N, C-alpha and C. Protein backbone atom coordinates (compact mmCIF):
# COMPACT_ATOMS: atom_id res chain seq x y z
N MET A 1 75.04 96.09 101.83
CA MET A 1 74.19 95.32 103.66
C MET A 1 74.06 96.60 104.38
N ALA A 2 72.34 96.80 105.01
CA ALA A 2 72.12 97.53 105.25
C ALA A 2 72.73 98.21 107.07
N ARG A 3 72.37 99.60 106.33
CA ARG A 3 73.11 100.14 107.82
C ARG A 3 72.41 99.41 109.20
N ARG A 4 73.04 99.22 110.46
CA ARG A 4 71.64 99.50 111.22
C ARG A 4 72.00 100.31 111.57
N PRO A 5 70.65 100.81 112.51
CA PRO A 5 70.22 102.06 113.37
C PRO A 5 70.70 102.16 114.22
N PRO A 6 71.04 103.43 114.57
CA PRO A 6 72.35 104.14 115.60
C PRO A 6 72.20 103.50 116.92
N SER A 7 70.84 102.89 117.48
CA SER A 7 70.68 102.31 118.81
C SER A 7 71.36 100.63 118.50
N THR A 8 71.13 100.33 118.02
CA THR A 8 71.99 99.09 117.63
C THR A 8 73.19 98.84 117.98
N LEU A 9 74.37 100.11 116.97
CA LEU A 9 75.07 100.40 116.51
C LEU A 9 75.80 100.58 117.92
N ARG A 10 74.79 100.81 119.24
CA ARG A 10 75.42 101.57 120.17
C ARG A 10 75.58 100.90 121.18
N VAL A 11 74.38 99.67 120.93
CA VAL A 11 74.39 98.28 121.90
C VAL A 11 75.80 97.46 121.49
N ALA A 12 76.25 97.33 120.16
CA ALA A 12 77.02 96.53 119.18
C ALA A 12 78.66 97.42 120.34
N ASP A 13 78.31 98.46 120.06
CA ASP A 13 79.71 99.40 120.88
C ASP A 13 79.98 99.16 121.90
N ALA A 14 78.93 99.55 122.80
CA ALA A 14 78.92 98.93 124.83
C ALA A 14 79.35 97.66 124.98
N LEU A 15 79.09 96.16 124.35
CA LEU A 15 79.18 95.04 124.49
C LEU A 15 81.35 95.04 123.80
N ALA A 16 81.43 95.89 122.68
CA ALA A 16 82.39 94.91 122.83
C ALA A 16 83.68 96.31 123.59
N ALA A 17 83.06 97.27 123.87
CA ALA A 17 83.99 98.23 125.23
C ALA A 17 84.12 97.72 125.96
N ALA A 18 82.93 97.17 126.75
CA ALA A 18 83.26 95.40 127.37
C ALA A 18 83.74 95.07 127.97
N GLY A 19 84.39 94.76 126.24
CA GLY A 19 85.21 93.41 126.08
C GLY A 19 84.98 91.84 125.87
N PHE A 20 83.47 92.28 125.37
CA PHE A 20 82.76 91.02 124.67
C PHE A 20 82.20 91.09 123.59
N ALA A 21 82.64 89.81 122.86
CA ALA A 21 82.87 89.29 121.57
C ALA A 21 81.21 89.37 121.06
N LEU A 22 80.39 89.48 121.54
CA LEU A 22 79.01 89.18 121.46
C LEU A 22 78.76 89.47 120.03
N GLU A 23 77.29 88.63 119.08
CA GLU A 23 77.14 89.79 118.41
C GLU A 23 75.30 90.08 118.10
N VAL A 24 75.14 91.17 117.67
CA VAL A 24 74.13 91.54 117.87
C VAL A 24 73.75 90.93 116.56
N LEU A 25 72.05 90.25 116.90
CA LEU A 25 71.10 90.17 115.23
C LEU A 25 69.74 91.25 115.07
N GLU A 26 69.85 91.26 113.87
CA GLU A 26 68.72 91.80 113.18
C GLU A 26 67.72 91.15 112.96
N LEU A 27 67.24 90.52 113.49
CA LEU A 27 65.44 89.70 112.61
C LEU A 27 64.66 89.94 111.67
N PRO A 28 63.86 89.30 111.19
CA PRO A 28 62.98 90.10 110.12
C PRO A 28 61.53 89.74 111.20
N ALA A 29 61.39 89.19 111.87
CA ALA A 29 60.41 89.37 112.87
C ALA A 29 59.98 90.04 114.28
N SER A 30 59.28 90.37 114.86
CA SER A 30 59.19 91.21 115.81
C SER A 30 60.05 90.69 116.93
N THR A 31 60.68 91.46 118.12
CA THR A 31 61.42 90.63 119.15
C THR A 31 60.67 92.03 120.48
N ARG A 32 59.88 92.46 120.05
CA ARG A 32 58.99 93.62 120.88
C ARG A 32 58.95 93.17 122.44
N THR A 33 58.24 91.66 122.22
CA THR A 33 57.71 91.29 124.05
C THR A 33 58.68 90.18 124.03
N ALA A 34 58.32 89.25 125.32
CA ALA A 34 59.10 88.17 124.96
C ALA A 34 58.88 86.90 124.78
N PRO A 35 57.34 86.68 124.53
CA PRO A 35 56.68 85.98 123.39
C PRO A 35 57.70 86.26 122.34
N GLU A 36 57.71 87.31 121.58
CA GLU A 36 57.22 87.58 119.62
C GLU A 36 59.08 87.20 119.96
N ALA A 37 59.63 87.37 120.89
CA ALA A 37 61.49 86.95 121.21
C ALA A 37 61.97 86.20 120.74
N ALA A 38 61.24 85.42 122.37
CA ALA A 38 61.30 83.75 122.33
C ALA A 38 61.20 82.54 121.00
N ALA A 39 60.05 83.51 119.80
CA ALA A 39 59.71 82.52 118.78
C ALA A 39 60.62 82.93 118.16
N ALA A 40 61.13 84.31 117.81
CA ALA A 40 62.36 84.84 116.80
C ALA A 40 63.39 83.88 116.59
N VAL A 41 63.83 83.43 118.06
CA VAL A 41 64.88 83.05 117.86
C VAL A 41 64.99 81.62 118.53
N GLY A 42 63.52 80.95 118.46
CA GLY A 42 63.59 79.72 119.35
C GLY A 42 64.27 79.27 120.44
N CYS A 43 63.55 80.04 121.53
CA CYS A 43 63.72 80.10 122.84
C CYS A 43 62.60 79.80 123.64
N ASP A 44 62.97 79.42 124.63
CA ASP A 44 62.14 79.13 125.49
C ASP A 44 61.55 80.89 126.62
N VAL A 45 60.71 81.51 126.38
CA VAL A 45 60.21 82.32 126.93
C VAL A 45 61.29 83.23 128.26
N ALA A 46 61.17 81.93 128.84
CA ALA A 46 62.28 82.25 130.62
C ALA A 46 63.35 82.99 130.08
N GLN A 47 64.08 82.38 129.09
CA GLN A 47 65.14 82.80 128.26
C GLN A 47 65.55 84.15 128.21
N ILE A 48 64.20 85.31 127.78
CA ILE A 48 64.06 86.58 127.42
C ILE A 48 64.75 87.57 128.13
N VAL A 49 65.60 88.26 128.68
CA VAL A 49 65.81 89.30 129.80
C VAL A 49 65.06 90.52 129.26
N LYS A 50 64.15 90.70 129.87
CA LYS A 50 62.72 92.28 129.71
C LYS A 50 64.07 93.10 130.71
N SER A 51 64.52 93.87 129.75
CA SER A 51 65.13 94.98 130.37
C SER A 51 63.73 96.09 130.62
N LEU A 52 63.64 96.32 131.66
CA LEU A 52 62.36 96.67 132.52
C LEU A 52 62.79 98.48 133.19
N VAL A 53 62.53 99.48 133.59
CA VAL A 53 62.93 100.80 133.76
C VAL A 53 61.60 100.95 134.87
N PHE A 54 62.13 101.16 136.00
CA PHE A 54 61.09 101.62 137.50
C PHE A 54 61.85 103.28 137.68
N ARG A 55 61.05 103.63 138.18
CA ARG A 55 61.53 105.54 139.08
C ARG A 55 61.20 105.18 140.52
N GLY A 56 62.53 105.79 140.32
CA GLY A 56 62.33 105.19 142.22
C GLY A 56 61.19 107.12 142.53
N ALA A 57 60.08 106.51 143.43
CA ALA A 57 59.24 107.60 143.58
C ALA A 57 59.90 108.82 144.72
N ARG A 58 60.82 108.65 145.26
CA ARG A 58 61.28 109.91 146.23
C ARG A 58 62.04 110.04 145.89
N SER A 59 63.40 109.39 144.98
CA SER A 59 64.91 109.94 144.32
C SER A 59 64.49 110.44 142.70
N GLY A 60 63.60 110.01 142.30
CA GLY A 60 62.83 109.99 140.30
C GLY A 60 64.28 109.55 139.60
N ARG A 61 65.40 108.71 140.59
CA ARG A 61 66.21 107.75 139.40
C ARG A 61 65.70 107.01 138.72
N ALA A 62 66.37 106.75 137.91
CA ALA A 62 66.10 105.40 137.04
C ALA A 62 66.11 103.66 138.00
N ILE A 63 65.30 102.98 137.54
CA ILE A 63 65.82 101.67 137.79
C ILE A 63 65.71 100.49 137.08
N LEU A 64 66.96 99.54 136.48
CA LEU A 64 66.99 98.79 135.91
C LEU A 64 66.99 97.36 136.15
N VAL A 65 65.15 96.72 136.08
CA VAL A 65 65.57 95.46 136.48
C VAL A 65 65.84 94.64 135.02
N LEU A 66 66.17 93.65 135.32
CA LEU A 66 66.63 92.14 133.67
C LEU A 66 65.93 91.41 134.51
N ALA A 67 64.73 91.35 133.62
CA ALA A 67 63.72 90.25 134.09
C ALA A 67 63.68 89.08 133.17
N SER A 68 63.67 87.60 133.75
CA SER A 68 63.13 86.58 133.03
C SER A 68 61.39 86.94 132.40
N GLY A 69 61.71 86.22 130.87
CA GLY A 69 60.85 87.00 130.16
C GLY A 69 59.40 86.11 130.24
N ALA A 70 59.86 84.63 131.52
CA ALA A 70 58.22 84.19 131.94
C ALA A 70 58.13 85.31 133.51
N ASN A 71 58.71 86.49 134.03
CA ASN A 71 58.12 86.40 135.39
C ASN A 71 57.68 87.47 135.20
N ARG A 72 56.76 88.05 136.28
CA ARG A 72 56.66 89.64 136.89
C ARG A 72 57.37 90.02 137.68
N VAL A 73 57.17 91.10 137.85
CA VAL A 73 58.28 91.80 139.15
C VAL A 73 57.22 92.18 140.18
N ASP A 74 57.69 91.59 140.73
CA ASP A 74 57.28 91.83 142.12
C ASP A 74 57.65 93.52 142.51
N GLU A 75 56.28 94.57 141.97
CA GLU A 75 57.21 96.03 143.16
C GLU A 75 57.64 96.07 144.29
N GLN A 76 57.10 95.17 145.01
CA GLN A 76 56.76 95.68 146.48
C GLN A 76 58.32 95.07 146.61
N ARG A 77 58.73 93.79 146.53
CA ARG A 77 60.31 93.96 146.45
C ARG A 77 61.46 93.93 145.53
N LEU A 78 61.12 94.91 144.79
CA LEU A 78 61.83 95.82 144.37
C LEU A 78 62.09 97.08 145.03
N ALA A 79 61.32 97.59 145.33
CA ALA A 79 61.14 98.63 146.38
C ALA A 79 61.83 98.53 147.50
N ALA A 80 62.20 97.09 148.53
CA ALA A 80 62.66 96.93 149.35
C ALA A 80 63.93 96.67 148.96
N LEU A 81 64.67 96.35 147.91
CA LEU A 81 65.77 96.09 147.09
C LEU A 81 66.21 97.83 146.82
N ALA A 82 65.89 98.41 146.57
CA ALA A 82 66.07 99.71 146.19
C ALA A 82 66.46 100.79 146.56
N GLY A 83 65.82 100.65 148.50
CA GLY A 83 65.33 101.42 149.36
C GLY A 83 64.31 102.33 149.33
N GLU A 84 63.23 102.16 148.70
CA GLU A 84 62.22 103.11 148.22
C GLU A 84 61.47 102.82 147.15
N PRO A 85 59.95 102.98 147.63
CA PRO A 85 58.83 102.79 146.82
C PRO A 85 59.32 103.43 145.20
N VAL A 86 58.80 101.85 144.29
CA VAL A 86 59.24 102.47 142.57
C VAL A 86 57.74 102.78 141.86
N GLU A 87 58.25 103.09 141.09
CA GLU A 87 56.83 103.01 139.94
C GLU A 87 57.38 102.48 138.61
N ARG A 88 56.69 102.01 138.10
CA ARG A 88 57.17 101.87 136.21
C ARG A 88 56.81 103.37 136.15
N ALA A 89 58.09 103.02 134.85
CA ALA A 89 58.04 104.62 134.34
C ALA A 89 57.48 104.84 132.43
N ASP A 90 57.28 105.88 132.52
CA ASP A 90 56.81 106.18 131.42
C ASP A 90 57.77 106.00 130.15
N PRO A 91 56.99 106.17 129.13
CA PRO A 91 58.15 106.36 127.96
C PRO A 91 58.49 107.01 127.30
N GLU A 92 58.72 108.35 128.05
CA GLU A 92 59.35 109.36 128.03
C GLU A 92 60.64 109.33 129.13
N PHE A 93 60.05 108.90 130.00
CA PHE A 93 61.27 108.58 131.41
C PHE A 93 62.29 107.35 130.53
N VAL A 94 61.79 106.17 130.37
CA VAL A 94 62.26 105.32 129.97
C VAL A 94 63.63 105.60 128.08
N ARG A 95 63.46 106.57 127.78
CA ARG A 95 64.17 107.08 126.89
C ARG A 95 64.91 107.95 127.13
N ALA A 96 64.56 108.58 127.91
CA ALA A 96 65.39 109.65 128.59
C ALA A 96 66.75 109.04 129.24
N ALA A 97 65.92 107.90 130.06
CA ALA A 97 66.74 106.66 131.38
C ALA A 97 67.89 106.05 130.14
N THR A 98 67.69 105.17 128.93
CA THR A 98 68.21 104.42 128.11
C THR A 98 68.63 104.77 127.06
N GLY A 99 68.10 106.02 126.99
CA GLY A 99 68.41 106.26 125.04
C GLY A 99 67.70 105.26 124.48
N PHE A 100 67.08 104.25 124.94
CA PHE A 100 66.10 103.14 124.51
C PHE A 100 64.69 103.22 124.22
N ALA A 101 63.91 103.17 123.29
CA ALA A 101 62.02 103.29 122.89
C ALA A 101 61.64 101.54 124.11
N ILE A 102 60.77 102.02 124.61
CA ILE A 102 60.50 100.37 124.47
C ILE A 102 60.00 100.04 123.78
N GLY A 103 60.17 98.55 124.09
CA GLY A 103 60.19 97.22 122.92
C GLY A 103 61.63 97.19 122.28
N GLY A 104 62.84 98.26 122.77
CA GLY A 104 64.02 97.55 122.19
C GLY A 104 64.80 98.37 123.32
N VAL A 105 64.48 97.66 124.69
CA VAL A 105 65.39 98.46 125.52
C VAL A 105 66.44 97.59 126.18
N ALA A 106 68.23 98.12 126.10
CA ALA A 106 69.02 96.91 125.92
C ALA A 106 69.08 96.77 127.26
N PRO A 107 70.21 96.26 127.57
CA PRO A 107 70.83 96.33 129.17
C PRO A 107 71.67 97.09 129.44
N VAL A 108 72.22 97.09 128.16
CA VAL A 108 73.86 98.14 128.00
C VAL A 108 73.50 99.12 127.17
N GLY A 109 74.43 100.01 126.62
CA GLY A 109 74.16 100.90 125.77
C GLY A 109 73.52 102.32 126.36
N HIS A 110 73.43 102.51 127.52
CA HIS A 110 72.51 103.67 128.47
C HIS A 110 73.71 105.13 128.47
N PRO A 111 73.01 106.03 128.62
CA PRO A 111 73.80 107.34 128.59
C PRO A 111 74.55 107.48 129.77
N GLN A 112 74.06 106.68 131.41
CA GLN A 112 74.85 107.06 132.08
C GLN A 112 74.18 105.87 132.70
N PRO A 113 75.48 104.82 133.64
CA PRO A 113 74.86 103.80 133.91
C PRO A 113 73.83 103.65 135.44
N LEU A 114 73.10 102.34 134.76
CA LEU A 114 71.75 102.47 136.20
C LEU A 114 72.39 101.56 137.13
N GLU A 115 71.36 101.69 138.19
CA GLU A 115 71.25 100.82 139.35
C GLU A 115 70.64 99.37 138.28
N ALA A 116 70.99 98.14 138.89
CA ALA A 116 70.41 97.26 137.80
C ALA A 116 70.75 96.17 139.19
N PHE A 117 68.87 95.48 138.91
CA PHE A 117 68.60 93.90 139.80
C PHE A 117 68.63 92.86 138.62
N VAL A 118 69.27 92.07 138.75
CA VAL A 118 69.17 90.90 137.76
C VAL A 118 68.29 89.74 138.27
N ASP A 119 67.58 89.56 137.81
CA ASP A 119 66.23 88.27 138.46
C ASP A 119 67.38 87.37 138.26
N GLU A 120 66.79 86.53 139.71
CA GLU A 120 67.84 85.16 139.82
C GLU A 120 67.35 84.08 139.01
N ASP A 121 66.24 83.93 138.88
CA ASP A 121 65.65 83.20 138.40
C ASP A 121 66.62 82.67 136.41
N LEU A 122 66.45 83.66 136.37
CA LEU A 122 67.63 83.92 134.79
C LEU A 122 69.03 83.08 135.14
N MET A 123 69.84 82.99 136.18
CA MET A 123 70.73 82.92 136.85
C MET A 123 71.17 80.92 136.61
N ALA A 124 70.18 80.02 136.33
CA ALA A 124 69.91 79.07 136.50
C ALA A 124 69.54 78.88 134.80
N LEU A 125 69.56 78.77 133.81
CA LEU A 125 69.73 79.16 132.42
C LEU A 125 70.77 78.93 131.84
N PRO A 126 71.34 78.62 130.36
CA PRO A 126 72.28 78.25 129.53
C PRO A 126 72.83 79.18 129.43
N GLU A 127 72.08 80.08 128.62
CA GLU A 127 72.16 81.21 127.69
C GLU A 127 70.81 81.85 127.57
N LEU A 128 70.52 83.18 128.16
CA LEU A 128 69.54 84.74 127.48
C LEU A 128 70.02 84.51 126.28
N TRP A 129 68.67 86.10 126.05
CA TRP A 129 69.11 86.22 124.80
C TRP A 129 68.29 88.03 125.39
N ALA A 130 68.56 89.13 124.92
CA ALA A 130 68.27 90.40 125.07
C ALA A 130 68.13 91.56 123.66
N ALA A 131 67.30 91.73 124.45
CA ALA A 131 67.56 93.07 123.10
C ALA A 131 68.41 93.85 123.18
N ALA A 132 68.55 94.89 121.39
CA ALA A 132 69.80 95.14 121.36
C ALA A 132 69.33 96.91 120.62
N GLY A 133 68.38 97.43 121.34
CA GLY A 133 68.31 98.12 120.72
C GLY A 133 67.13 99.08 119.89
N THR A 134 66.72 97.79 119.38
CA THR A 134 65.56 98.39 118.52
C THR A 134 64.18 96.84 118.58
N PRO A 135 63.16 96.61 117.94
CA PRO A 135 62.27 95.75 118.72
C PRO A 135 62.26 94.49 117.53
N ARG A 136 63.71 94.47 117.07
CA ARG A 136 64.14 93.23 116.09
C ARG A 136 65.76 93.05 115.70
N SER A 137 65.94 93.77 117.19
CA SER A 137 67.46 93.07 116.96
C SER A 137 67.63 92.41 118.85
N VAL A 138 69.10 91.45 118.83
CA VAL A 138 68.85 90.97 119.99
C VAL A 138 70.18 90.21 119.90
N PHE A 139 71.10 90.16 121.30
CA PHE A 139 72.05 89.57 121.47
C PHE A 139 72.11 88.14 122.55
N ARG A 140 72.59 87.21 122.07
CA ARG A 140 72.64 85.77 123.16
C ARG A 140 74.09 86.20 124.22
N LEU A 141 73.94 85.81 125.20
CA LEU A 141 74.18 85.65 126.31
C LEU A 141 74.44 84.97 127.19
N SER A 142 75.92 84.66 128.38
CA SER A 142 74.95 84.09 129.30
C SER A 142 74.80 84.92 130.67
N PRO A 143 74.05 84.44 131.11
CA PRO A 143 73.80 84.47 132.87
C PRO A 143 74.80 85.65 133.41
N ALA A 144 76.21 84.75 134.32
CA ALA A 144 76.77 85.41 134.32
C ALA A 144 77.93 86.82 132.68
N GLN A 145 77.10 86.84 132.05
CA GLN A 145 77.88 87.98 130.89
C GLN A 145 77.08 89.09 131.89
N LEU A 146 75.70 88.64 131.79
CA LEU A 146 74.61 89.85 131.99
C LEU A 146 75.13 90.38 133.02
N VAL A 147 75.25 89.54 134.39
CA VAL A 147 75.47 90.26 135.83
C VAL A 147 77.06 91.12 134.97
N GLU A 148 77.86 90.39 134.71
CA GLU A 148 79.09 91.60 134.37
C GLU A 148 78.66 92.53 133.43
N LEU A 149 77.76 92.45 132.74
CA LEU A 149 77.89 93.80 131.82
C LEU A 149 77.34 94.78 132.43
N THR A 150 76.18 94.61 133.11
CA THR A 150 74.58 95.50 133.34
C THR A 150 75.74 95.98 135.41
N ARG A 151 76.99 95.45 135.80
CA ARG A 151 77.00 95.15 137.29
C ARG A 151 75.62 95.37 138.36
N GLY A 152 74.55 94.40 137.76
CA GLY A 152 73.54 93.92 138.28
C GLY A 152 74.04 93.15 139.56
N ARG A 153 72.37 93.67 140.35
CA ARG A 153 73.12 92.46 142.01
C ARG A 153 71.91 91.73 141.49
N VAL A 154 72.34 90.58 141.73
CA VAL A 154 71.24 89.41 141.43
C VAL A 154 70.29 89.40 142.74
N ALA A 155 68.56 89.28 142.19
CA ALA A 155 67.88 89.25 143.56
C ALA A 155 66.81 88.75 142.88
N SER A 156 65.94 88.17 144.14
CA SER A 156 64.73 87.47 143.89
C SER A 156 63.87 88.97 143.52
N VAL A 157 63.15 89.35 142.29
CA VAL A 157 62.60 90.28 141.94
C VAL A 157 61.29 89.19 141.65
N ARG A 158 60.86 88.40 140.82
CA ARG A 158 59.48 87.54 140.93
C ARG A 158 58.59 87.64 141.33
N HIS A 159 57.69 88.24 141.06
CA HIS A 159 55.60 88.52 142.03
C HIS A 159 55.62 86.68 141.90
N ASP A 160 55.68 86.70 142.88
CA ASP A 160 54.60 85.25 143.09
C ASP A 160 53.49 85.05 143.81
N ALA A 161 52.51 84.54 142.66
CA ALA A 161 51.09 84.74 142.39
C ALA A 161 50.40 83.83 143.98
N ARG A 162 51.13 83.37 144.47
CA ARG A 162 50.70 82.91 145.87
C ARG A 162 50.83 83.33 147.24
N THR A 163 51.81 84.92 146.83
CA THR A 163 51.97 84.96 148.06
C THR A 163 50.84 86.91 148.15
């Protein structure tokens, strides 16, 4: 059996430490983007959890948004939730804050806990798929498990093109 990458092991360890028996899958196809992940696991793109990192413009803190793969994040809504303007984090900031490279950022297994917001649209779905530390690893979980694992605040973060 091939050895798992350290980042995937870190996710599996974080899941186990939180008391969740969730299986981390390593797939032959890329799961780097939401459409690729949906195709690889055979689900709707909305069921993919995008782990997006933003930086507080004043505080410099990392803010994790767990968004539906079908949605774009409304940065103004997120700023209101975070209590300060936000900006997209660059790859170096993402790696420093999460321990993962973009394309494999997991919702758990970070060096320190991050403030997290969970896209309310995810709550209506029966099952979700999240990155597990590499661009080819994922795990399946329920919306309630996502909220519990991340201690995330469920909120409206979707960009509505009509506004």
